[in-house]
C-alpha atoms as a PDB file:
ATOM      1  CA  MET A   1     -52.369-114.796  42.044  1.00  0.00           C
ATOM      2  CA  ALA A   2     -51.801-115.926  45.625  1.00  0.00           C
ATOM      3  CA  ILE A   3     -49.599-118.772  44.371  1.00  0.00           C
ATOM      4  CA  ASP A   4     -47.412-116.323  42.426  1.00  0.00           C
ATOM      5  CA  SER A   5     -47.113-114.074  45.487  1.00  0.00           C
ATOM      6  CA  ASN A   6     -46.198-116.998  47.722  1.00  0.00           C
ATOM      7  CA  ARG A   7     -43.617-118.215  45.229  1.00  0.00           C
ATOM      8  CA  LEU A   8     -42.107-114.718  45.034  1.00  0.00           C
ATOM      9  CA  LEU A   9     -41.971-114.452  48.831  1.00  0.00           C
ATOM     10  CA  LEU A  10     -40.272-117.846  49.115  1.00  0.00           C
ATOM     11  CA  GLU A  11     -37.698-116.868  46.515  1.00  0.00           C
ATOM     12  CA  LEU A  12     -37.211-113.500  48.209  1.00  0.00           C
ATOM     13  CA  GLU A  13     -36.566-115.206  51.557  1.00  0.00           C
ATOM     14  CA  LYS A  14     -34.127-117.643  49.937  1.00  0.00           C
ATOM     15  CA  GLN A  15     -32.228-114.840  48.237  1.00  0.00           C
ATOM     16  CA  ARG A  16     -32.191-112.739  51.410  1.00  0.00           C
ATOM     17  CA  ARG A  17     -30.751-115.681  53.368  1.00  0.00           C
ATOM     18  CA  GLU A  18     -28.076-116.356  50.746  1.00  0.00           C
ATOM     19  CA  ILE A  19     -27.050-112.696  50.494  1.00  0.00           C
ATOM     20  CA  ASN A  20     -26.969-112.102  54.236  1.00  0.00           C
ATOM     21  CA  ARG A  21     -25.069-115.324  54.852  1.00  0.00           C
ATOM     22  CA  SER A  22     -22.495-114.526  52.158  1.00  0.00           C
ATOM     23  CA  ILE A  23     -21.896-111.081  53.661  1.00  0.00           C
ATOM     24  CA  ILE A  24     -22.154-111.741  57.403  1.00  0.00           C
ATOM     25  CA  ASN A  25     -20.791-115.266  57.879  1.00  0.00           C
ATOM     26  CA  PRO A  26     -17.226-114.602  56.610  1.00  0.00           C
ATOM     27  CA  ALA A  27     -16.918-111.592  58.923  1.00  0.00           C
ATOM     28  CA  ILE A  28     -17.848-113.400  62.147  1.00  0.00           C
ATOM     29  CA  PRO A  29     -16.118-116.533  63.435  1.00  0.00           C
ATOM     30  CA  GLN A  30     -18.180-119.594  64.292  1.00  0.00           C
ATOM     31  CA  LEU A  31     -20.209-118.923  67.400  1.00  0.00           C
ATOM     32  CA  SER A  32     -20.548-121.121  70.434  1.00  0.00           C
ATOM     33  CA  LEU A  33     -22.329-120.710  73.723  1.00  0.00           C
ATOM     34  CA  GLU A  34     -18.939-120.257  75.358  1.00  0.00           C
ATOM     35  CA  ALA A  35     -18.035-117.456  72.948  1.00  0.00           C
ATOM     36  CA  LEU A  36     -21.387-115.754  73.531  1.00  0.00           C
ATOM     37  CA  THR A  37     -21.234-115.887  77.340  1.00  0.00           C
ATOM     38  CA  PRO A  38     -19.270-112.600  77.676  1.00  0.00           C
ATOM     39  CA  LEU A  39     -21.890-110.923  75.471  1.00  0.00           C
ATOM     40  CA  LEU A  40     -24.697-112.239  77.665  1.00  0.00           C
ATOM     41  CA  ASN A  41     -22.866-111.052  80.776  1.00  0.00           C
ATOM     42  CA  MET A  42     -22.401-107.598  79.252  1.00  0.00           C
ATOM     43  CA  VAL A  43     -26.130-107.276  78.481  1.00  0.00           C
ATOM     44  CA  GLY A  44     -27.000-108.547  81.955  1.00  0.00           C
ATOM     45  CA  GLN A  45     -24.676-105.992  83.549  1.00  0.00           C
ATOM     46  CA  ALA A  46     -26.223-103.186  81.505  1.00  0.00           C
ATOM     47  CA  ARG A  47     -29.705-104.339  82.558  1.00  0.00           C
ATOM     48  CA  LYS A  48     -28.607-104.380  86.199  1.00  0.00           C
ATOM     49  CA  ASP A  49     -27.031-100.904  85.913  1.00  0.00           C
ATOM     50  CA  TYR A  50     -30.208 -99.462  84.405  1.00  0.00           C
ATOM     51  CA  LEU A  51     -32.539-101.032  86.970  1.00  0.00           C
ATOM     52  CA  CYS A  52     -30.273-100.137  89.885  1.00  0.00           C
ATOM     53  CA  GLY A  53     -30.018 -96.615  88.507  1.00  0.00           C
ATOM     54  CA  LEU A  54     -33.790 -96.328  88.575  1.00  0.00           C
ATOM     55  CA  LEU A  55     -34.080 -97.710  92.104  1.00  0.00           C
ATOM     56  CA  ASN A  56     -31.244 -95.497  93.356  1.00  0.00           C
ATOM     57  CA  LEU A  57     -32.904 -92.496  91.764  1.00  0.00           C
ATOM     58  CA  ALA A  58     -36.200 -93.277  93.471  1.00  0.00           C
ATOM     59  CA  ASP A  59     -34.405 -93.699  96.794  1.00  0.00           C
ATOM     60  CA  THR A  60     -32.497 -90.443  96.360  1.00  0.00           C
ATOM     61  CA  CYS A  61     -35.525 -88.417  95.254  1.00  0.00           C
ATOM     62  CA  LYS A  62     -37.844 -89.797  97.942  1.00  0.00           C
ATOM     63  CA  GLY A  63     -40.910 -89.274  95.771  1.00  0.00           C
ATOM     64  CA  HIS A  64     -39.877 -85.862  94.408  1.00  0.00           C
ATOM     65  CA  ALA A  65     -39.130 -85.151  90.772  1.00  0.00           C
ATOM     66  CA  PRO A  66     -35.561 -85.951  89.729  1.00  0.00           C
ATOM     67  CA  SER A  67     -33.276 -83.229  88.417  1.00  0.00           C
ATOM     68  CA  SER A  68     -32.384 -82.906  84.746  1.00  0.00           C
ATOM     69  CA  GLU A  69     -28.910 -84.184  85.541  1.00  0.00           C
ATOM     70  CA  GLN A  70     -30.328 -87.267  87.268  1.00  0.00           C
ATOM     71  CA  ILE A  71     -32.617 -87.932  84.310  1.00  0.00           C
ATOM     72  CA  ASN A  72     -29.667 -87.594  81.931  1.00  0.00           C
ATOM     73  CA  GLU A  73     -27.716 -90.174  83.942  1.00  0.00           C
ATOM     74  CA  LEU A  74     -30.657 -92.585  83.855  1.00  0.00           C
ATOM     75  CA  ARG A  75     -31.120 -91.936  80.119  1.00  0.00           C
ATOM     76  CA  THR A  76     -27.486 -92.824  79.483  1.00  0.00           C
ATOM     77  CA  LEU A  77     -27.954 -96.113  81.342  1.00  0.00           C
ATOM     78  CA  ARG A  78     -31.106 -96.853  79.325  1.00  0.00           C
ATOM     79  CA  GLN A  79     -29.460 -96.028  76.011  1.00  0.00           C
ATOM     80  CA  THR A  80     -26.577 -98.352  76.810  1.00  0.00           C
ATOM     81  CA  TYR A  81     -28.964-101.124  77.820  1.00  0.00           C
ATOM     82  CA  ASP A  82     -31.254-100.605  74.803  1.00  0.00           C
ATOM     83  CA  GLU A  83     -28.345-100.577  72.369  1.00  0.00           C
ATOM     84  CA  LEU A  84     -26.874-103.782  73.750  1.00  0.00           C
ATOM     85  CA  VAL A  85     -30.256-105.552  73.769  1.00  0.00           C
ATOM     86  CA  THR A  86     -30.923-104.449  70.188  1.00  0.00           C
ATOM     87  CA  ALA A  87     -27.515-105.703  69.069  1.00  0.00           C
ATOM     88  CA  ALA A  88     -27.921-109.015  70.916  1.00  0.00           C
ATOM     89  CA  ASN A  89     -31.348-109.463  69.331  1.00  0.00           C
ATOM     90  CA  ALA A  90     -29.881-108.774  65.883  1.00  0.00           C
ATOM     91  CA  LEU A  91     -27.254-111.448  66.507  1.00  0.00           C
ATOM     92  CA  GLU A  92     -29.944-113.881  67.657  1.00  0.00           C
ATOM     93  CA  THR A  93     -31.937-113.191  64.504  1.00  0.00           C
ATOM     94  CA  ALA A  94     -28.844-113.793  62.367  1.00  0.00           C
ATOM     95  CA  ILE A  95     -28.356-117.142  64.096  1.00  0.00           C
ATOM     96  CA  GLN A  96     -32.023-118.114  63.738  1.00  0.00           C
ATOM     97  CA  ARG A  97     -31.993-117.255  60.034  1.00  0.00           C
ATOM     98  CA  ASP A  98     -28.829-119.286  59.451  1.00  0.00           C
ATOM     99  CA  TYR A  99     -26.705-116.314  58.440  1.00  0.00           C
ATOM    100  CA  LEU A 100     -23.956-117.517  60.789  1.00  0.00           C
ATOM    101  CA  ASP A 101     -22.213-120.787  61.490  1.00  0.00           C
ATOM    102  CA  VAL A 102     -22.575-122.051  65.026  1.00  0.00           C
ATOM    103  CA  ILE A 103     -20.693-124.718  66.916  1.00  0.00           C
ATOM    104  CA  THR A 104     -22.985-127.100  68.698  1.00  0.00           C
ATOM    105  CA  THR A 105     -21.722-128.918  71.720  1.00  0.00           C
ATOM    106  CA  ARG A 106     -23.262-132.013  73.158  1.00  0.00           C
ATOM    107  CA  ARG A 107     -23.687-132.441  76.878  1.00  0.00           C
END
């Protein structure tokens, strides 16, 4: 029974790869490190904004509880950061699973 399950899982993975590649790859041009650099900068900027927002909040509050408005501002920074990280991770997964064509450059 384990052999049948393993065979099914292998076929499932193969079919998932083929389906995802046929849907995703035509919609996204070939990726290169150069093309992905603006994306990485955007995520880095969002990370910086979130962390600086936290540190600025701590400096402003001087150990006291922040206001609801201050928390909302920090939450907005976190949501932006989280969303960009989640999207970047999804792209990385698509690359790892060979759903997308990539351009490799030699140094």
